[in-house]
């Protein structure tokens, strides 16, 4: 579980938009850039090089 206060201050490092926490995938999702940043051992990895593209078919659940 990601701390709510942390989620309130974290933004996408690329576009600076808010993120959505996906607890099932343990990722932070940017719906502006459609990138998913992993959370490893409870720590968000906010590096563009570590992010994955969110597949078109996955996007519906975040809109």
PDB file of N, CA and C in Angstrom:
ATOM      1  N   UNK A   1       0.844  -1.186   0.000  1.00  0.00           N
ATOM      2  CA  UNK A   1       0.000   0.000   0.000  1.00  0.00           C
ATOM      3  C   UNK A   1       0.884   1.242   0.000  1.00  0.00           C
ATOM      4  N   UNK A   2       0.555   2.166  -0.856  1.00  0.00           N
ATOM      5  CA  UNK A   2       1.307   3.414  -0.967  1.00  0.00           C
ATOM      6  C   UNK A   2       0.667   4.460  -0.059  1.00  0.00           C
ATOM      7  N   UNK A   3       1.476   5.167   0.680  1.00  0.00           N
ATOM      8  CA  UNK A   3       0.988   6.204   1.585  1.00  0.00           C
ATOM      9  C   UNK A   3       0.231   7.284   0.803  1.00  0.00           C
ATOM     10  N   UNK A   4      -0.959   7.648   1.279  1.00  0.00           N
ATOM     11  CA  UNK A   4      -1.793   8.637   0.584  1.00  0.00           C
ATOM     12  C   UNK A   4      -1.116   9.998   0.485  1.00  0.00           C
ATOM     13  N   UNK A   5      -0.409  10.386   1.521  1.00  0.00           N
ATOM     14  CA  UNK A   5       0.280  11.686   1.498  1.00  0.00           C
ATOM     15  C   UNK A   5       1.384  11.703   0.437  1.00  0.00           C
ATOM     16  N   UNK A   6       2.077  10.581   0.293  1.00  0.00           N
ATOM     17  CA  UNK A   6       3.113  10.485  -0.736  1.00  0.00           C
ATOM     18  C   UNK A   6       2.483  10.583  -2.119  1.00  0.00           C
ATOM     19  N   UNK A   7       1.373   9.888  -2.318  1.00  0.00           N
ATOM     20  CA  UNK A   7       0.687   9.921  -3.607  1.00  0.00           C
ATOM     21  C   UNK A   7       0.217  11.337  -3.947  1.00  0.00           C
ATOM     22  N   UNK A   8      -0.163  12.105  -2.946  1.00  0.00           N
ATOM     23  CA  UNK A   8      -0.620  13.480  -3.174  1.00  0.00           C
ATOM     24  C   UNK A   8       0.495  14.388  -3.690  1.00  0.00           C
ATOM     25  N   UNK A   9       1.740  14.110  -3.329  1.00  0.00           N
ATOM     26  CA  UNK A   9       2.830  15.000  -3.752  1.00  0.00           C
ATOM     27  C   UNK A   9       3.597  14.494  -4.975  1.00  0.00           C
ATOM     28  N   UNK A  10       3.500  13.200  -5.265  1.00  0.00           N
ATOM     29  CA  UNK A  10       4.204  12.664  -6.432  1.00  0.00           C
ATOM     30  C   UNK A  10       3.497  13.068  -7.722  1.00  0.00           C
ATOM     31  N   UNK A  11       4.284  13.407  -8.723  1.00  0.00           N
ATOM     32  CA  UNK A  11       3.766  13.712 -10.054  1.00  0.00           C
ATOM     33  C   UNK A  11       4.636  12.993 -11.081  1.00  0.00           C
ATOM     34  N   UNK A  12       4.139  12.921 -12.286  1.00  0.00           N
ATOM     35  CA  UNK A  12       4.916  12.330 -13.376  1.00  0.00           C
ATOM     36  C   UNK A  12       6.182  13.167 -13.577  1.00  0.00           C
ATOM     37  N   UNK A  13       7.348  12.536 -13.615  1.00  0.00           N
ATOM     38  CA  UNK A  13       8.594  13.291 -13.795  1.00  0.00           C
ATOM     39  C   UNK A  13       8.735  13.905 -15.190  1.00  0.00           C
ATOM     40  N   UNK A  14       7.906  13.473 -16.126  1.00  0.00           N
ATOM     41  CA  UNK A  14       8.007  13.979 -17.488  1.00  0.00           C
ATOM     42  C   UNK A  14       7.077  15.172 -17.711  1.00  0.00           C
ATOM     43  N   UNK A  15       5.778  14.989 -17.380  1.00  0.00           N
ATOM     44  CA  UNK A  15       4.797  16.040 -17.671  1.00  0.00           C
ATOM     45  C   UNK A  15       4.298  16.777 -16.427  1.00  0.00           C
ATOM     46  N   UNK A  16       4.662  16.296 -15.244  1.00  0.00           N
ATOM     47  CA  UNK A  16       4.285  16.914 -13.957  1.00  0.00           C
ATOM     48  C   UNK A  16       2.793  16.792 -13.629  1.00  0.00           C
ATOM     49  N   UNK A  17       2.080  15.862 -14.265  1.00  0.00           N
ATOM     50  CA  UNK A  17       0.658  15.622 -13.976  1.00  0.00           C
ATOM     51  C   UNK A  17       0.534  14.636 -12.821  1.00  0.00           C
ATOM     52  N   UNK A  18      -0.665  14.609 -12.213  1.00  0.00           N
ATOM     53  CA  UNK A  18      -0.937  13.673 -11.125  1.00  0.00           C
ATOM     54  C   UNK A  18      -0.870  12.230 -11.606  1.00  0.00           C
ATOM     55  N   UNK A  19      -0.665  11.331 -10.658  1.00  0.00           N
ATOM     56  CA  UNK A  19      -0.549   9.905 -10.948  1.00  0.00           C
ATOM     57  C   UNK A  19      -1.689   9.138 -10.292  1.00  0.00           C
ATOM     58  N   UNK A  20      -2.005   7.987 -10.851  1.00  0.00           N
ATOM     59  CA  UNK A  20      -3.001   7.076 -10.294  1.00  0.00           C
ATOM     60  C   UNK A  20      -2.268   5.850  -9.781  1.00  0.00           C
ATOM     61  N   UNK A  21      -2.594   5.443  -8.558  1.00  0.00           N
ATOM     62  CA  UNK A  21      -1.970   4.259  -7.962  1.00  0.00           C
ATOM     63  C   UNK A  21      -2.757   3.019  -8.354  1.00  0.00           C
ATOM     64  N   UNK A  22      -2.100   2.075  -8.990  1.00  0.00           N
ATOM     65  CA  UNK A  22      -2.691   0.776  -9.323  1.00  0.00           C
ATOM     66  C   UNK A  22      -2.137  -0.232  -8.324  1.00  0.00           C
ATOM     67  N   UNK A  23      -2.950  -0.563  -7.324  1.00  0.00           N
ATOM     68  CA  UNK A  23      -2.482  -1.452  -6.255  1.00  0.00           C
ATOM     69  C   UNK A  23      -2.284  -2.882  -6.746  1.00  0.00           C
ATOM     70  N   UNK A  24      -3.048  -3.288  -7.742  1.00  0.00           N
ATOM     71  CA  UNK A  24      -2.915  -4.653  -8.267  1.00  0.00           C
ATOM     72  C   UNK A  24      -1.567  -4.835  -8.962  1.00  0.00           C
ATOM     73  N   UNK A  25      -1.200  -3.877  -9.802  1.00  0.00           N
ATOM     74  CA  UNK A  25       0.058  -3.955 -10.558  1.00  0.00           C
ATOM     75  C   UNK A  25       1.248  -3.375  -9.792  1.00  0.00           C
ATOM     76  N   UNK A  26       0.960  -2.666  -8.680  1.00  0.00           N
ATOM     77  CA  UNK A  26       2.007  -1.966  -7.924  1.00  0.00           C
ATOM     78  C   UNK A  26       2.768  -1.007  -8.838  1.00  0.00           C
ATOM     79  N   UNK A  27       1.979  -0.106  -9.456  1.00  0.00           N
ATOM     80  CA  UNK A  27       2.533   0.893 -10.365  1.00  0.00           C
ATOM     81  C   UNK A  27       1.825   2.225 -10.153  1.00  0.00           C
ATOM     82  N   UNK A  28       2.504   3.289 -10.535  1.00  0.00           N
ATOM     83  CA  UNK A  28       1.907   4.617 -10.596  1.00  0.00           C
ATOM     84  C   UNK A  28       1.699   4.947 -12.067  1.00  0.00           C
ATOM     85  N   UNK A  29       0.472   5.307 -12.422  1.00  0.00           N
ATOM     86  CA  UNK A  29       0.098   5.506 -13.813  1.00  0.00           C
ATOM     87  C   UNK A  29      -0.057   6.988 -14.120  1.00  0.00           C
ATOM     88  N   UNK A  30       0.576   7.422 -15.198  1.00  0.00           N
ATOM     89  CA  UNK A  30       0.377   8.768 -15.723  1.00  0.00           C
ATOM     90  C   UNK A  30      -0.548   8.642 -16.930  1.00  0.00           C
ATOM     91  N   UNK A  31      -1.763   9.217 -16.822  1.00  0.00           N
ATOM     92  CA  UNK A  31      -2.716   9.109 -17.926  1.00  0.00           C
ATOM     93  C   UNK A  31      -2.477  10.167 -19.000  1.00  0.00           C
ATOM     94  N   UNK A  32      -1.572  11.095 -18.767  1.00  0.00           N
ATOM     95  CA  UNK A  32      -1.226  12.081 -19.793  1.00  0.00           C
ATOM     96  C   UNK A  32      -0.211  11.494 -20.777  1.00  0.00           C
ATOM     97  N   UNK A  33       0.797  10.818 -20.250  1.00  0.00           N
ATOM     98  CA  UNK A  33       1.848  10.217 -21.088  1.00  0.00           C
ATOM     99  C   UNK A  33       1.645   8.723 -21.305  1.00  0.00           C
ATOM    100  N   UNK A  34       0.688   8.142 -20.595  1.00  0.00           N
ATOM    101  CA  UNK A  34       0.429   6.697 -20.611  1.00  0.00           C
ATOM    102  C   UNK A  34       1.691   5.895 -20.300  1.00  0.00           C
ATOM    103  N   UNK A  35       2.283   6.260 -19.154  1.00  0.00           N
ATOM    104  CA  UNK A  35       3.438   5.536 -18.634  1.00  0.00           C
ATOM    105  C   UNK A  35       3.090   4.964 -17.268  1.00  0.00           C
ATOM    106  N   UNK A  36       3.665   3.815 -16.960  1.00  0.00           N
ATOM    107  CA  UNK A  36       3.476   3.165 -15.662  1.00  0.00           C
ATOM    108  C   UNK A  36       4.835   3.054 -14.982  1.00  0.00           C
ATOM    109  N   UNK A  37       4.937   3.677 -13.811  1.00  0.00           N
ATOM    110  CA  UNK A  37       6.175   3.659 -13.037  1.00  0.00           C
ATOM    111  C   UNK A  37       6.068   2.585 -11.962  1.00  0.00           C
ATOM    112  N   UNK A  38       7.038   1.687 -11.880  1.00  0.00           N
ATOM    113  CA  UNK A  38       6.948   0.579 -10.921  1.00  0.00           C
ATOM    114  C   UNK A  38       7.158   1.031  -9.478  1.00  0.00           C
ATOM    115  N   UNK A  39       6.600   0.248  -8.571  1.00  0.00           N
ATOM    116  CA  UNK A  39       6.848   0.425  -7.140  1.00  0.00           C
ATOM    117  C   UNK A  39       7.550  -0.840  -6.684  1.00  0.00           C
ATOM    118  N   UNK A  40       8.782  -0.687  -6.225  1.00  0.00           N
ATOM    119  CA  UNK A  40       9.585  -1.839  -5.807  1.00  0.00           C
ATOM    120  C   UNK A  40       9.889  -1.738  -4.322  1.00  0.00           C
ATOM    121  N   UNK A  41       9.530  -2.767  -3.589  1.00  0.00           N
ATOM    122  CA  UNK A  41       9.736  -2.786  -2.132  1.00  0.00           C
ATOM    123  C   UNK A  41       9.138  -1.550  -1.468  1.00  0.00           C
ATOM    124  N   UNK A  42       7.977  -1.110  -1.982  1.00  0.00           N
ATOM    125  CA  UNK A  42       7.278   0.033  -1.415  1.00  0.00           C
ATOM    126  C   UNK A  42       7.821   1.384  -1.832  1.00  0.00           C
ATOM    127  N   UNK A  43       8.804   1.394  -2.740  1.00  0.00           N
ATOM    128  CA  UNK A  43       9.434   2.648  -3.168  1.00  0.00           C
ATOM    129  C   UNK A  43       9.114   2.909  -4.646  1.00  0.00           C
ATOM    130  N   UNK A  44       8.463   4.048  -4.952  1.00  0.00           N
ATOM    131  CA  UNK A  44       8.191   4.378  -6.352  1.00  0.00           C
ATOM    132  C   UNK A  44       9.495   4.654  -7.108  1.00  0.00           C
ATOM    133  N   UNK A  45       9.634   4.043  -8.257  1.00  0.00           N
ATOM    134  CA  UNK A  45      10.810   4.250  -9.113  1.00  0.00           C
ATOM    135  C   UNK A  45      10.376   5.222 -10.212  1.00  0.00           C
ATOM    136  N   UNK A  46      10.701   6.489 -10.017  1.00  0.00           N
ATOM    137  CA  UNK A  46      10.203   7.546 -10.888  1.00  0.00           C
ATOM    138  C   UNK A  46      11.215   7.921 -11.978  1.00  0.00           C
ATOM    139  N   UNK A  47      11.759   6.934 -12.626  1.00  0.00           N
ATOM    140  CA  UNK A  47      12.716   7.139 -13.710  1.00  0.00           C
ATOM    141  C   UNK A  47      12.059   6.784 -15.035  1.00  0.00           C
ATOM    142  N   UNK A  48      12.192   7.654 -16.019  1.00  0.00           N
ATOM    143  CA  UNK A  48      11.607   7.389 -17.328  1.00  0.00           C
ATOM    144  C   UNK A  48      12.129   6.079 -17.911  1.00  0.00           C
ATOM    145  N   UNK A  49      13.385   5.786 -17.668  1.00  0.00           N
ATOM    146  CA  UNK A  49      13.985   4.563 -18.205  1.00  0.00           C
ATOM    147  C   UNK A  49      13.394   3.295 -17.582  1.00  0.00           C
ATOM    148  N   UNK A  50      12.775   3.406 -16.416  1.00  0.00           N
ATOM    149  CA  UNK A  50      12.166   2.257 -15.740  1.00  0.00           C
ATOM    150  C   UNK A  50      10.669   2.138 -16.018  1.00  0.00           C
ATOM    151  N   UNK A  51      10.079   3.168 -16.602  1.00  0.00           N
ATOM    152  CA  UNK A  51       8.638   3.164 -16.871  1.00  0.00           C
ATOM    153  C   UNK A  51       8.328   2.296 -18.085  1.00  0.00           C
ATOM    154  N   UNK A  52       7.108   1.764 -18.062  1.00  0.00           N
ATOM    155  CA  UNK A  52       6.652   1.007 -19.232  1.00  0.00           C
ATOM    156  C   UNK A  52       5.477   1.748 -19.859  1.00  0.00           C
ATOM    157  N   UNK A  53       5.286   1.541 -21.155  1.00  0.00           N
ATOM    158  CA  UNK A  53       4.130   2.113 -21.836  1.00  0.00           C
ATOM    159  C   UNK A  53       2.883   1.346 -21.419  1.00  0.00           C
ATOM    160  N   UNK A  54       1.813   2.081 -21.142  1.00  0.00           N
ATOM    161  CA  UNK A  54       0.540   1.447 -20.811  1.00  0.00           C
ATOM    162  C   UNK A  54      -0.132   1.065 -22.124  1.00  0.00           C
ATOM    163  N   UNK A  55      -0.442  -0.203 -22.277  1.00  0.00           N
ATOM    164  CA  UNK A  55      -1.052  -0.707 -23.506  1.00  0.00           C
ATOM    165  C   UNK A  55      -2.421  -0.067 -23.730  1.00  0.00           C
ATOM    166  N   UNK A  56      -2.779   0.109 -24.986  1.00  0.00           N
ATOM    167  CA  UNK A  56      -4.052   0.725 -25.344  1.00  0.00           C
ATOM    168  C   UNK A  56      -5.216  -0.004 -24.676  1.00  0.00           C
ATOM    169  N   UNK A  57      -5.180  -1.316 -24.635  1.00  0.00           N
ATOM    170  CA  UNK A  57      -6.271  -2.086 -24.040  1.00  0.00           C
ATOM    171  C   UNK A  57      -6.367  -1.896 -22.527  1.00  0.00           C
ATOM    172  N   UNK A  58      -5.294  -1.505 -21.875  1.00  0.00           N
ATOM    173  CA  UNK A  58      -5.286  -1.269 -20.427  1.00  0.00           C
ATOM    174  C   UNK A  58      -5.845   0.100 -20.058  1.00  0.00           C
ATOM    175  N   UNK A  59      -5.805   1.029 -20.968  1.00  0.00           N
ATOM    176  CA  UNK A  59      -6.091   2.432 -20.664  1.00  0.00           C
ATOM    177  C   UNK A  59      -7.511   2.673 -20.169  1.00  0.00           C
ATOM    178  N   UNK A  60      -8.459   1.885 -20.619  1.00  0.00           N
ATOM    179  CA  UNK A  60      -9.858   2.073 -20.225  1.00  0.00           C
ATOM    180  C   UNK A  60     -10.046   2.051 -18.719  1.00  0.00           C
ATOM    181  N   UNK A  61      -9.318   1.199 -18.023  1.00  0.00           N
ATOM    182  CA  UNK A  61      -9.528   1.086 -16.578  1.00  0.00           C
ATOM    183  C   UNK A  61      -9.017   2.293 -15.804  1.00  0.00           C
ATOM    184  N   UNK A  62      -8.249   3.174 -16.435  1.00  0.00           N
ATOM    185  CA  UNK A  62      -7.715   4.353 -15.764  1.00  0.00           C
ATOM    186  C   UNK A  62      -8.442   5.641 -16.149  1.00  0.00           C
ATOM    187  N   UNK A  63      -9.399   5.554 -17.051  1.00  0.00           N
ATOM    188  CA  UNK A  63     -10.097   6.769 -17.501  1.00  0.00           C
ATOM    189  C   UNK A  63     -11.384   6.975 -16.753  1.00  0.00           C
TER     190      UNK A  63
END
